[in-house]
Amino acid sequence: MNDPLSRFIKQRRRALALTQEALASRAGVGLRFIRELEQGKPSLRLDKVNQVLALFGHRMEPTPFRMEVKDEES
């Protein structure tokens, strides 16, 4: 589990002594969603991710980064 989001969710859940079931219930999402989120599933609904993150006072937002672009004229 190298995904920062997955690590964050799992660490915060454990720090609050919540089971996956309890986190799912509090966030209003399904248990399967929490399991997939903690396992780093690559395609998750952002609105549901934000529902879970809101319990920890966070949300997903666009973050700038520089993408390396290869020069096609080389």
N, C-alpha and C. Protein backbone atom coordinates (compact mmCIF):
# COMPACT_ATOMS: atom_id res chain seq x y z
N MET A 1 0.84 -1.19 0.00
CA MET A 1 0.00 0.00 0.00
C MET A 1 0.89 1.25 0.00
N ASN A 2 1.30 1.69 -1.17
CA ASN A 2 2.16 2.86 -1.29
C ASN A 2 1.39 4.13 -1.63
N ASP A 3 0.11 4.01 -1.84
CA ASP A 3 -0.71 5.15 -2.18
C ASP A 3 -0.88 6.06 -0.97
N PRO A 4 -0.49 7.35 -1.08
CA PRO A 4 -0.59 8.27 0.08
C PRO A 4 -2.01 8.40 0.61
N LEU A 5 -3.00 8.40 -0.26
CA LEU A 5 -4.39 8.53 0.18
C LEU A 5 -4.79 7.31 1.00
N SER A 6 -4.46 6.14 0.52
CA SER A 6 -4.80 4.91 1.24
C SER A 6 -4.14 4.87 2.61
N ARG A 7 -2.87 5.24 2.64
CA ARG A 7 -2.13 5.27 3.93
C ARG A 7 -2.77 6.26 4.89
N PHE A 8 -3.11 7.45 4.38
CA PHE A 8 -3.71 8.48 5.22
C PHE A 8 -5.01 8.00 5.84
N ILE A 9 -5.90 7.45 5.01
CA ILE A 9 -7.21 7.00 5.50
C ILE A 9 -7.03 5.91 6.56
N LYS A 10 -6.20 4.94 6.27
CA LYS A 10 -6.00 3.82 7.19
C LYS A 10 -5.38 4.30 8.51
N GLN A 11 -4.38 5.17 8.43
CA GLN A 11 -3.73 5.68 9.64
C GLN A 11 -4.70 6.50 10.48
N ARG A 12 -5.48 7.36 9.86
CA ARG A 12 -6.43 8.18 10.60
C ARG A 12 -7.52 7.34 11.23
N ARG A 13 -8.02 6.35 10.48
CA ARG A 13 -9.05 5.47 11.01
C ARG A 13 -8.53 4.73 12.23
N ARG A 14 -7.32 4.21 12.14
CA ARG A 14 -6.75 3.47 13.27
C ARG A 14 -6.47 4.39 14.45
N ALA A 15 -6.00 5.61 14.18
CA ALA A 15 -5.73 6.56 15.26
C ALA A 15 -6.99 6.90 16.05
N LEU A 16 -8.13 6.86 15.38
CA LEU A 16 -9.41 7.14 16.04
C LEU A 16 -10.07 5.87 16.54
N ALA A 17 -9.36 4.75 16.43
CA ALA A 17 -9.86 3.44 16.88
C ALA A 17 -11.19 3.09 16.23
N LEU A 18 -11.30 3.38 14.94
CA LEU A 18 -12.51 3.05 14.19
C LEU A 18 -12.29 1.78 13.38
N THR A 19 -13.28 0.94 13.32
CA THR A 19 -13.24 -0.18 12.41
C THR A 19 -13.59 0.34 11.02
N GLN A 20 -13.34 -0.48 10.01
CA GLN A 20 -13.75 -0.09 8.67
C GLN A 20 -15.26 0.08 8.61
N GLU A 21 -15.97 -0.77 9.31
CA GLU A 21 -17.43 -0.70 9.34
C GLU A 21 -17.90 0.62 9.96
N ALA A 22 -17.27 1.02 11.06
CA ALA A 22 -17.66 2.27 11.73
C ALA A 22 -17.35 3.48 10.86
N LEU A 23 -16.20 3.46 10.19
CA LEU A 23 -15.84 4.56 9.30
C LEU A 23 -16.84 4.65 8.16
N ALA A 24 -17.18 3.53 7.57
CA ALA A 24 -18.16 3.52 6.48
C ALA A 24 -19.49 4.11 6.93
N SER A 25 -19.93 3.70 8.10
CA SER A 25 -21.20 4.19 8.63
C SER A 25 -21.17 5.69 8.87
N ARG A 26 -20.11 6.16 9.50
CA ARG A 26 -20.01 7.60 9.79
C ARG A 26 -19.90 8.44 8.52
N ALA A 27 -19.22 7.90 7.51
CA ALA A 27 -19.03 8.65 6.27
C ALA A 27 -20.22 8.53 5.32
N GLY A 28 -21.09 7.58 5.59
CA GLY A 28 -22.24 7.38 4.72
C GLY A 28 -21.89 6.69 3.42
N VAL A 29 -20.87 5.83 3.48
CA VAL A 29 -20.48 5.04 2.31
C VAL A 29 -20.51 3.57 2.69
N GLY A 30 -20.38 2.71 1.72
CA GLY A 30 -20.41 1.28 1.98
C GLY A 30 -19.08 0.75 2.50
N LEU A 31 -19.15 -0.36 3.20
CA LEU A 31 -17.96 -1.02 3.71
C LEU A 31 -17.01 -1.39 2.57
N ARG A 32 -17.57 -1.88 1.49
CA ARG A 32 -16.74 -2.25 0.33
C ARG A 32 -15.94 -1.06 -0.17
N PHE A 33 -16.55 0.12 -0.19
CA PHE A 33 -15.85 1.33 -0.64
C PHE A 33 -14.65 1.61 0.26
N ILE A 34 -14.84 1.51 1.57
CA ILE A 34 -13.73 1.76 2.51
C ILE A 34 -12.62 0.76 2.28
N ARG A 35 -12.97 -0.50 2.11
CA ARG A 35 -11.95 -1.53 1.86
C ARG A 35 -11.17 -1.23 0.59
N GLU A 36 -11.87 -0.87 -0.47
CA GLU A 36 -11.21 -0.55 -1.73
C GLU A 36 -10.35 0.70 -1.61
N LEU A 37 -10.83 1.67 -0.87
CA LEU A 37 -10.08 2.90 -0.65
C LEU A 37 -8.78 2.61 0.08
N GLU A 38 -8.85 1.81 1.14
CA GLU A 38 -7.65 1.48 1.90
C GLU A 38 -6.70 0.56 1.14
N GLN A 39 -7.21 -0.15 0.16
CA GLN A 39 -6.36 -1.03 -0.66
C GLN A 39 -5.76 -0.30 -1.86
N GLY A 40 -6.14 0.96 -2.04
CA GLY A 40 -5.57 1.76 -3.12
C GLY A 40 -6.16 1.49 -4.49
N LYS A 41 -7.43 1.12 -4.53
CA LYS A 41 -8.08 0.89 -5.83
C LYS A 41 -7.92 2.15 -6.69
N PRO A 42 -7.46 1.99 -7.92
CA PRO A 42 -7.15 3.17 -8.74
C PRO A 42 -8.34 3.98 -9.22
N SER A 43 -9.53 3.40 -9.27
CA SER A 43 -10.68 4.18 -9.74
C SER A 43 -11.77 4.21 -8.67
N LEU A 44 -11.84 5.32 -7.99
CA LEU A 44 -12.85 5.53 -6.95
C LEU A 44 -13.58 6.83 -7.23
N ARG A 45 -14.81 6.92 -6.78
CA ARG A 45 -15.58 8.15 -6.97
C ARG A 45 -15.05 9.23 -6.04
N LEU A 46 -14.68 10.35 -6.62
CA LEU A 46 -14.09 11.44 -5.86
C LEU A 46 -15.07 12.00 -4.82
N ASP A 47 -16.36 12.05 -5.13
CA ASP A 47 -17.32 12.57 -4.16
C ASP A 47 -17.35 11.69 -2.91
N LYS A 48 -17.23 10.38 -3.10
CA LYS A 48 -17.23 9.48 -1.94
C LYS A 48 -15.92 9.58 -1.17
N VAL A 49 -14.81 9.74 -1.89
CA VAL A 49 -13.51 9.93 -1.23
C VAL A 49 -13.60 11.17 -0.34
N ASN A 50 -14.18 12.23 -0.85
CA ASN A 50 -14.30 13.46 -0.07
C ASN A 50 -15.25 13.30 1.12
N GLN A 51 -16.26 12.45 1.00
CA GLN A 51 -17.13 12.17 2.14
C GLN A 51 -16.31 11.57 3.28
N VAL A 52 -15.44 10.65 2.96
CA VAL A 52 -14.60 10.01 3.97
C VAL A 52 -13.58 11.01 4.52
N LEU A 53 -12.90 11.73 3.64
CA LEU A 53 -11.89 12.70 4.07
C LEU A 53 -12.49 13.79 4.95
N ALA A 54 -13.74 14.16 4.72
CA ALA A 54 -14.38 15.21 5.50
C ALA A 54 -14.42 14.87 6.99
N LEU A 55 -14.50 13.58 7.30
CA LEU A 55 -14.49 13.17 8.71
C LEU A 55 -13.17 13.50 9.40
N PHE A 56 -12.12 13.64 8.60
CA PHE A 56 -10.80 13.95 9.14
C PHE A 56 -10.40 15.40 8.88
N GLY A 57 -11.36 16.20 8.41
CA GLY A 57 -11.09 17.62 8.16
C GLY A 57 -10.26 17.87 6.91
N HIS A 58 -10.36 16.99 5.91
CA HIS A 58 -9.60 17.12 4.67
C HIS A 58 -10.50 16.95 3.46
N ARG A 59 -9.97 17.26 2.28
CA ARG A 59 -10.65 16.99 1.02
C ARG A 59 -9.61 16.93 -0.09
N MET A 60 -9.97 16.27 -1.17
CA MET A 60 -9.10 16.19 -2.34
C MET A 60 -9.28 17.46 -3.15
N GLU A 61 -8.15 18.00 -3.62
CA GLU A 61 -8.18 19.20 -4.45
C GLU A 61 -7.12 19.08 -5.54
N PRO A 62 -7.27 19.82 -6.61
CA PRO A 62 -6.21 19.82 -7.62
C PRO A 62 -4.91 20.38 -7.02
N THR A 63 -3.82 19.74 -7.34
CA THR A 63 -2.51 20.17 -6.87
C THR A 63 -1.61 20.36 -8.09
N PRO A 64 -0.98 21.52 -8.19
CA PRO A 64 -0.12 21.74 -9.36
C PRO A 64 1.10 20.82 -9.33
N PHE A 65 1.50 20.40 -10.51
CA PHE A 65 2.74 19.66 -10.65
C PHE A 65 3.25 19.88 -12.07
N ARG A 66 4.52 19.65 -12.27
CA ARG A 66 5.11 19.85 -13.59
C ARG A 66 5.23 18.49 -14.26
N MET A 67 4.56 18.36 -15.38
CA MET A 67 4.61 17.11 -16.13
C MET A 67 5.74 17.21 -17.15
N GLU A 68 6.57 16.19 -17.18
CA GLU A 68 7.66 16.16 -18.14
C GLU A 68 7.09 15.87 -19.53
N VAL A 69 7.39 16.74 -20.47
CA VAL A 69 6.90 16.58 -21.84
C VAL A 69 8.10 16.34 -22.74
N LYS A 70 8.06 15.24 -23.48
CA LYS A 70 9.15 14.94 -24.40
C LYS A 70 8.98 15.77 -25.67
N ASP A 71 10.07 16.28 -26.16
CA ASP A 71 10.07 17.07 -27.39
C ASP A 71 9.93 16.11 -28.56
N GLU A 72 8.83 16.19 -29.30
CA GLU A 72 8.57 15.27 -30.40
C GLU A 72 9.40 15.61 -31.63
N GLU A 73 10.02 16.78 -31.66
CA GLU A 73 10.79 17.18 -32.85
C GLU A 73 12.23 16.70 -32.77
N SER A 74 12.64 16.03 -31.71
CA SER A 74 14.03 15.59 -31.58
C SER A 74 14.40 14.57 -32.61
